[in-house]
Amino acid sequence: MNDSEFNALANAALQHIEAGLEASAADLDFEMISDSVLEIDFADGSKIIV
């Protein structure tokens, strides 16, 4: 696997996660910080960066 193949798969995975978050009823906020970073903020103040 070369870099461009990896980046394409990683971006597809992030888009899949983002779509799931949009469809959920969870109490959270999320933002794509760049093409390769997804930040998820939860109501309790915790945060996950993917």
PDB file of N, CA and C in Angstrom:
ATOM      1  N   MET A   1       0.862  -1.171   0.000  1.00  0.00           N
ATOM      2  CA  MET A   1       0.000   0.000   0.000  1.00  0.00           C
ATOM      3  C   MET A   1       0.906   1.231   0.000  1.00  0.00           C
ATOM      4  N   ASN A   2       0.610   2.149  -0.896  1.00  0.00           N
ATOM      5  CA  ASN A   2       1.389   3.384  -0.920  1.00  0.00           C
ATOM      6  C   ASN A   2       0.653   4.484  -0.145  1.00  0.00           C
ATOM      7  N   ASP A   3       1.285   5.647  -0.049  1.00  0.00           N
ATOM      8  CA  ASP A   3       0.721   6.747   0.747  1.00  0.00           C
ATOM      9  C   ASP A   3      -0.647   7.192   0.246  1.00  0.00           C
ATOM     10  N   SER A   4      -0.814   7.297  -1.053  1.00  0.00           N
ATOM     11  CA  SER A   4      -2.099   7.783  -1.572  1.00  0.00           C
ATOM     12  C   SER A   4      -3.214   6.771  -1.319  1.00  0.00           C
ATOM     13  N   GLU A   5      -2.906   5.473  -1.402  1.00  0.00           N
ATOM     14  CA  GLU A   5      -3.913   4.456  -1.088  1.00  0.00           C
ATOM     15  C   GLU A   5      -4.297   4.509   0.388  1.00  0.00           C
ATOM     16  N   PHE A   6      -3.287   4.660   1.254  1.00  0.00           N
ATOM     17  CA  PHE A   6      -3.554   4.772   2.690  1.00  0.00           C
ATOM     18  C   PHE A   6      -4.430   5.982   2.983  1.00  0.00           C
ATOM     19  N   ASN A   7      -4.069   7.132   2.410  1.00  0.00           N
ATOM     20  CA  ASN A   7      -4.836   8.353   2.655  1.00  0.00           C
ATOM     21  C   ASN A   7      -6.273   8.218   2.171  1.00  0.00           C
ATOM     22  N   ALA A   8      -6.481   7.574   1.041  1.00  0.00           N
ATOM     23  CA  ALA A   8      -7.839   7.381   0.525  1.00  0.00           C
ATOM     24  C   ALA A   8      -8.656   6.509   1.472  1.00  0.00           C
ATOM     25  N   LEU A   9      -8.060   5.429   1.975  1.00  0.00           N
ATOM     26  CA  LEU A   9      -8.771   4.551   2.909  1.00  0.00           C
ATOM     27  C   LEU A   9      -9.034   5.251   4.240  1.00  0.00           C
ATOM     28  N   ALA A  10      -8.062   6.010   4.726  1.00  0.00           N
ATOM     29  CA  ALA A  10      -8.234   6.730   5.990  1.00  0.00           C
ATOM     30  C   ALA A  10      -9.328   7.783   5.864  1.00  0.00           C
ATOM     31  N   ASN A  11      -9.347   8.516   4.767  1.00  0.00           N
ATOM     32  CA  ASN A  11     -10.384   9.532   4.560  1.00  0.00           C
ATOM     33  C   ASN A  11     -11.765   8.894   4.443  1.00  0.00           C
ATOM     34  N   ALA A  12     -11.851   7.756   3.797  1.00  0.00           N
ATOM     35  CA  ALA A  12     -13.134   7.054   3.694  1.00  0.00           C
ATOM     36  C   ALA A  12     -13.612   6.611   5.072  1.00  0.00           C
ATOM     37  N   ALA A  13     -12.691   6.138   5.904  1.00  0.00           N
ATOM     38  CA  ALA A  13     -13.057   5.720   7.263  1.00  0.00           C
ATOM     39  C   ALA A  13     -13.545   6.908   8.081  1.00  0.00           C
ATOM     40  N   LEU A  14     -12.867   8.047   7.976  1.00  0.00           N
ATOM     41  CA  LEU A  14     -13.296   9.239   8.710  1.00  0.00           C
ATOM     42  C   LEU A  14     -14.668   9.709   8.242  1.00  0.00           C
ATOM     43  N   GLN A  15     -14.924   9.656   6.955  1.00  0.00           N
ATOM     44  CA  GLN A  15     -16.232  10.051   6.435  1.00  0.00           C
ATOM     45  C   GLN A  15     -17.320   9.104   6.926  1.00  0.00           C
ATOM     46  N   HIS A  16     -16.997   7.831   7.043  1.00  0.00           N
ATOM     47  CA  HIS A  16     -17.950   6.846   7.558  1.00  0.00           C
ATOM     48  C   HIS A  16     -18.272   7.137   9.025  1.00  0.00           C
ATOM     49  N   ILE A  17     -17.254   7.452   9.811  1.00  0.00           N
ATOM     50  CA  ILE A  17     -17.464   7.806  11.222  1.00  0.00           C
ATOM     51  C   ILE A  17     -18.316   9.065  11.319  1.00  0.00           C
ATOM     52  N   GLU A  18     -17.993  10.073  10.509  1.00  0.00           N
ATOM     53  CA  GLU A  18     -18.744  11.331  10.520  1.00  0.00           C
ATOM     54  C   GLU A  18     -20.212  11.096  10.170  1.00  0.00           C
ATOM     55  N   ALA A  19     -20.481  10.262   9.190  1.00  0.00           N
ATOM     56  CA  ALA A  19     -21.864   9.958   8.806  1.00  0.00           C
ATOM     57  C   ALA A  19     -22.601   9.273   9.949  1.00  0.00           C
ATOM     58  N   GLY A  20     -21.930   8.376  10.650  1.00  0.00           N
ATOM     59  CA  GLY A  20     -22.544   7.712  11.794  1.00  0.00           C
ATOM     60  C   GLY A  20     -22.851   8.676  12.914  1.00  0.00           C
ATOM     61  N   LEU A  21     -21.951   9.623  13.150  1.00  0.00           N
ATOM     62  CA  LEU A  21     -22.190  10.626  14.188  1.00  0.00           C
ATOM     63  C   LEU A  21     -23.376  11.512  13.821  1.00  0.00           C
ATOM     64  N   GLU A  22     -23.462  11.903  12.554  1.00  0.00           N
ATOM     65  CA  GLU A  22     -24.583  12.732  12.102  1.00  0.00           C
ATOM     66  C   GLU A  22     -25.911  12.004  12.270  1.00  0.00           C
ATOM     67  N   ALA A  23     -25.916  10.705  12.056  1.00  0.00           N
ATOM     68  CA  ALA A  23     -27.148   9.921  12.136  1.00  0.00           C
ATOM     69  C   ALA A  23     -27.530   9.565  13.571  1.00  0.00           C
ATOM     70  N   SER A  24     -26.605   9.693  14.487  1.00  0.00           N
ATOM     71  CA  SER A  24     -26.879   9.293  15.872  1.00  0.00           C
ATOM     72  C   SER A  24     -27.628  10.387  16.620  1.00  0.00           C
ATOM     73  N   ALA A  25     -28.240   9.992  17.714  1.00  0.00           N
ATOM     74  CA  ALA A  25     -28.934  10.948  18.579  1.00  0.00           C
ATOM     75  C   ALA A  25     -28.077  11.282  19.797  1.00  0.00           C
ATOM     76  N   ALA A  26     -26.803  10.952  19.733  1.00  0.00           N
ATOM     77  CA  ALA A  26     -25.903  11.182  20.865  1.00  0.00           C
ATOM     78  C   ALA A  26     -25.714  12.676  21.109  1.00  0.00           C
ATOM     79  N   ASP A  27     -25.502  13.029  22.369  1.00  0.00           N
ATOM     80  CA  ASP A  27     -25.282  14.422  22.763  1.00  0.00           C
ATOM     81  C   ASP A  27     -23.798  14.737  22.614  1.00  0.00           C
ATOM     82  N   LEU A  28     -23.412  15.127  21.389  1.00  0.00           N
ATOM     83  CA  LEU A  28     -22.015  15.418  21.104  1.00  0.00           C
ATOM     84  C   LEU A  28     -21.915  16.408  19.962  1.00  0.00           C
ATOM     85  N   ASP A  29     -20.747  16.994  19.843  1.00  0.00           N
ATOM     86  CA  ASP A  29     -20.422  17.864  18.722  1.00  0.00           C
ATOM     87  C   ASP A  29     -19.189  17.286  18.056  1.00  0.00           C
ATOM     88  N   PHE A  30     -19.068  17.481  16.759  1.00  0.00           N
ATOM     89  CA  PHE A  30     -17.880  17.006  16.065  1.00  0.00           C
ATOM     90  C   PHE A  30     -17.527  17.967  14.948  1.00  0.00           C
ATOM     91  N   GLU A  31     -16.256  17.937  14.576  1.00  0.00           N
ATOM     92  CA  GLU A  31     -15.772  18.836  13.540  1.00  0.00           C
ATOM     93  C   GLU A  31     -14.586  18.187  12.849  1.00  0.00           C
ATOM     94  N   MET A  32     -14.566  18.268  11.536  1.00  0.00           N
ATOM     95  CA  MET A  32     -13.389  17.856  10.790  1.00  0.00           C
ATOM     96  C   MET A  32     -12.400  19.014  10.868  1.00  0.00           C
ATOM     97  N   ILE A  33     -11.314  18.809  11.588  1.00  0.00           N
ATOM     98  CA  ILE A  33     -10.312  19.859  11.774  1.00  0.00           C
ATOM     99  C   ILE A  33      -9.511  20.054  10.490  1.00  0.00           C
ATOM    100  N   SER A  34      -9.205  18.979   9.819  1.00  0.00           N
ATOM    101  CA  SER A  34      -8.545  19.008   8.517  1.00  0.00           C
ATOM    102  C   SER A  34      -9.040  17.799   7.741  1.00  0.00           C
ATOM    103  N   ASP A  35      -8.446  17.535   6.608  1.00  0.00           N
ATOM    104  CA  ASP A  35      -8.877  16.377   5.825  1.00  0.00           C
ATOM    105  C   ASP A  35      -8.619  15.063   6.544  1.00  0.00           C
ATOM    106  N   SER A  36      -7.760  15.094   7.572  1.00  0.00           N
ATOM    107  CA  SER A  36      -7.378  13.829   8.199  1.00  0.00           C
ATOM    108  C   SER A  36      -7.559  13.805   9.715  1.00  0.00           C
ATOM    109  N   VAL A  37      -8.274  14.785  10.276  1.00  0.00           N
ATOM    110  CA  VAL A  37      -8.467  14.831  11.731  1.00  0.00           C
ATOM    111  C   VAL A  37      -9.930  15.130  12.044  1.00  0.00           C
ATOM    112  N   LEU A  38     -10.542  14.243  12.838  1.00  0.00           N
ATOM    113  CA  LEU A  38     -11.919  14.411  13.292  1.00  0.00           C
ATOM    114  C   LEU A  38     -11.899  14.596  14.802  1.00  0.00           C
ATOM    115  N   GLU A  39     -12.469  15.689  15.278  1.00  0.00           N
ATOM    116  CA  GLU A  39     -12.531  15.972  16.714  1.00  0.00           C
ATOM    117  C   GLU A  39     -13.971  15.801  17.188  1.00  0.00           C
ATOM    118  N   ILE A  40     -14.150  14.967  18.224  1.00  0.00           N
ATOM    119  CA  ILE A  40     -15.481  14.692  18.771  1.00  0.00           C
ATOM    120  C   ILE A  40     -15.510  15.166  20.213  1.00  0.00           C
ATOM    121  N   ASP A  41     -16.445  16.076  20.544  1.00  0.00           N
ATOM    122  CA  ASP A  41     -16.613  16.609  21.897  1.00  0.00           C
ATOM    123  C   ASP A  41     -17.916  16.076  22.474  1.00  0.00           C
ATOM    124  N   PHE A  42     -17.820  15.494  23.676  1.00  0.00           N
ATOM    125  CA  PHE A  42     -18.982  14.910  24.334  1.00  0.00           C
ATOM    126  C   PHE A  42     -19.547  15.858  25.386  1.00  0.00           C
ATOM    127  N   ALA A  43     -20.799  15.655  25.761  1.00  0.00           N
ATOM    128  CA  ALA A  43     -21.499  16.531  26.702  1.00  0.00           C
ATOM    129  C   ALA A  43     -20.804  16.581  28.058  1.00  0.00           C
ATOM    130  N   ASP A  44     -20.113  15.510  28.441  1.00  0.00           N
ATOM    131  CA  ASP A  44     -19.441  15.486  29.744  1.00  0.00           C
ATOM    132  C   ASP A  44     -18.081  16.179  29.725  1.00  0.00           C
ATOM    133  N   GLY A  45     -17.724  16.775  28.588  1.00  0.00           N
ATOM    134  CA  GLY A  45     -16.466  17.497  28.472  1.00  0.00           C
ATOM    135  C   GLY A  45     -15.319  16.667  27.920  1.00  0.00           C
ATOM    136  N   SER A  46     -15.531  15.382  27.754  1.00  0.00           N
ATOM    137  CA  SER A  46     -14.464  14.551  27.197  1.00  0.00           C
ATOM    138  C   SER A  46     -14.366  14.775  25.692  1.00  0.00           C
ATOM    139  N   LYS A  47     -13.221  14.395  25.141  1.00  0.00           N
ATOM    140  CA  LYS A  47     -12.955  14.649  23.732  1.00  0.00           C
ATOM    141  C   LYS A  47     -12.183  13.468  23.158  1.00  0.00           C
ATOM    142  N   ILE A  48     -12.497  13.129  21.929  1.00  0.00           N
ATOM    143  CA  ILE A  48     -11.744  12.125  21.182  1.00  0.00           C
ATOM    144  C   ILE A  48     -11.282  12.777  19.884  1.00  0.00           C
ATOM    145  N   ILE A  49     -10.022  12.597  19.574  1.00  0.00           N
ATOM    146  CA  ILE A  49      -9.478  13.085  18.310  1.00  0.00           C
ATOM    147  C   ILE A  49      -9.071  11.868  17.496  1.00  0.00           C
ATOM    148  N   VAL A  50      -9.659  11.765  16.305  1.00  0.00           N
ATOM    149  CA  VAL A  50      -9.395  10.615  15.429  1.00  0.00           C
ATOM    150  C   VAL A  50      -8.597  11.102  14.239  1.00  0.00           C
TER     151      VAL A  50
END
